[in-house]
Amino acid sequence: MAHKVKIYTTPSCSYCGMAKKFLDDNGIKYQEFDIVQDKAAREEMKNKCNSWTVPTICVDNGVVIGFNEAELRDRLGL
C-alpha cells in the first residue's frame, strides 16, 4: 500500500538527511518541504502537525517528530 508521506526539513539538519536516506533506501516516495525557504510549509508544519522540530514526517494521518526509525517502520508497515 502506498502511503502519503511529507517531510519537513532544513538544509543543515543531519537528522533530516538520515530520515530522507531511510525513506529512499526503503523505496518510500515523499514530498519534501524546506521550511527555511518555504514559509507556507513552515506554517503548515506548525499548525497541522503541531511541531517546530525537524524533521517532522507526516505519514498518512499520523506524525513522527524527529527521525525515529522504529516508529517510521511501524507506520509504514516495514
Protein backbone atom coordinates (compact mmCIF):
# COMPACT_ATOMS: atom_id res chain seq x y z
CA MET A 1 0.00 0.00 0.00
CA ALA A 2 1.32 3.43 -0.94
CA HIS A 3 1.49 5.93 1.88
CA LYS A 4 1.19 9.70 1.63
CA VAL A 5 4.42 10.98 3.16
CA LYS A 6 5.51 14.59 3.69
CA ILE A 7 8.80 15.51 5.33
CA TYR A 8 9.55 18.99 6.64
CA THR A 9 13.28 19.70 6.72
CA THR A 10 16.03 22.30 6.94
CA PRO A 11 19.23 22.18 4.87
CA SER A 12 21.57 21.93 7.88
CA CYS A 13 19.68 19.19 9.75
CA SER A 14 21.64 15.92 9.85
CA TYR A 15 18.61 14.00 11.15
CA CYS A 16 16.63 15.24 8.13
CA GLY A 17 19.27 13.71 5.87
CA MET A 18 19.12 10.43 7.78
CA ALA A 19 15.32 10.36 7.53
CA LYS A 20 15.38 11.01 3.78
CA LYS A 21 18.04 8.31 3.30
CA PHE A 22 15.88 5.85 5.26
CA LEU A 23 12.85 6.67 3.10
CA ASP A 24 14.90 6.45 -0.12
CA ASP A 25 16.54 3.16 0.93
CA ASN A 26 13.11 1.67 1.57
CA GLY A 27 11.60 2.91 -1.70
CA ILE A 28 9.17 5.28 0.03
CA LYS A 29 8.07 8.22 -2.13
CA TYR A 30 7.68 11.51 -0.27
CA GLN A 31 7.24 15.23 -0.70
CA GLU A 32 9.96 17.32 0.92
CA PHE A 33 9.40 20.84 2.22
CA ASP A 34 12.33 23.07 3.20
CA ILE A 35 10.85 25.20 5.99
CA VAL A 36 13.71 27.72 5.73
CA GLN A 37 12.74 28.64 2.16
CA ASP A 38 9.01 27.83 2.24
CA LYS A 39 7.07 29.98 4.70
CA ALA A 40 3.74 28.29 3.86
CA ALA A 41 5.25 24.87 4.61
CA ARG A 42 6.67 26.19 7.89
CA GLU A 43 3.21 27.42 8.91
CA GLU A 44 1.61 24.15 7.82
CA MET A 45 4.11 22.17 9.91
CA LYS A 46 3.40 24.38 12.91
CA ASN A 47 -0.39 24.42 12.58
CA LYS A 48 -1.30 20.99 11.16
CA CYS A 49 1.46 18.95 12.76
CA ASN A 50 1.81 20.99 15.96
CA SER A 51 5.59 20.85 15.60
CA TRP A 52 8.61 23.15 15.46
CA THR A 53 11.06 20.26 15.21
CA VAL A 54 12.74 18.93 12.08
CA PRO A 55 12.42 16.51 10.63
CA THR A 56 8.67 16.36 11.03
CA ILE A 57 7.37 13.46 8.97
CA CYS A 58 3.67 13.10 8.18
CA VAL A 59 2.68 9.56 7.23
CA ASP A 60 -0.93 9.40 6.08
CA ASN A 61 -2.79 10.96 9.05
CA GLY A 62 -0.02 10.46 11.63
CA VAL A 63 3.03 12.50 12.55
CA VAL A 64 6.54 11.39 13.51
CA ILE A 65 8.58 14.11 15.20
CA GLY A 66 12.31 13.69 14.65
CA PHE A 67 14.00 10.72 12.99
CA ASN A 68 12.58 7.71 14.83
CA GLU A 69 13.33 4.68 12.63
CA ALA A 70 11.27 2.23 14.70
CA GLU A 71 8.18 4.45 14.60
CA LEU A 72 8.60 5.08 10.87
CA ARG A 73 8.92 1.35 10.21
CA ASP A 74 5.74 0.75 12.20
CA ARG A 75 3.74 3.50 10.45
CA LEU A 76 4.98 2.42 7.02
CA GLY A 77 4.50 -1.31 7.64
CA LEU A 78 8.15 -2.16 7.03
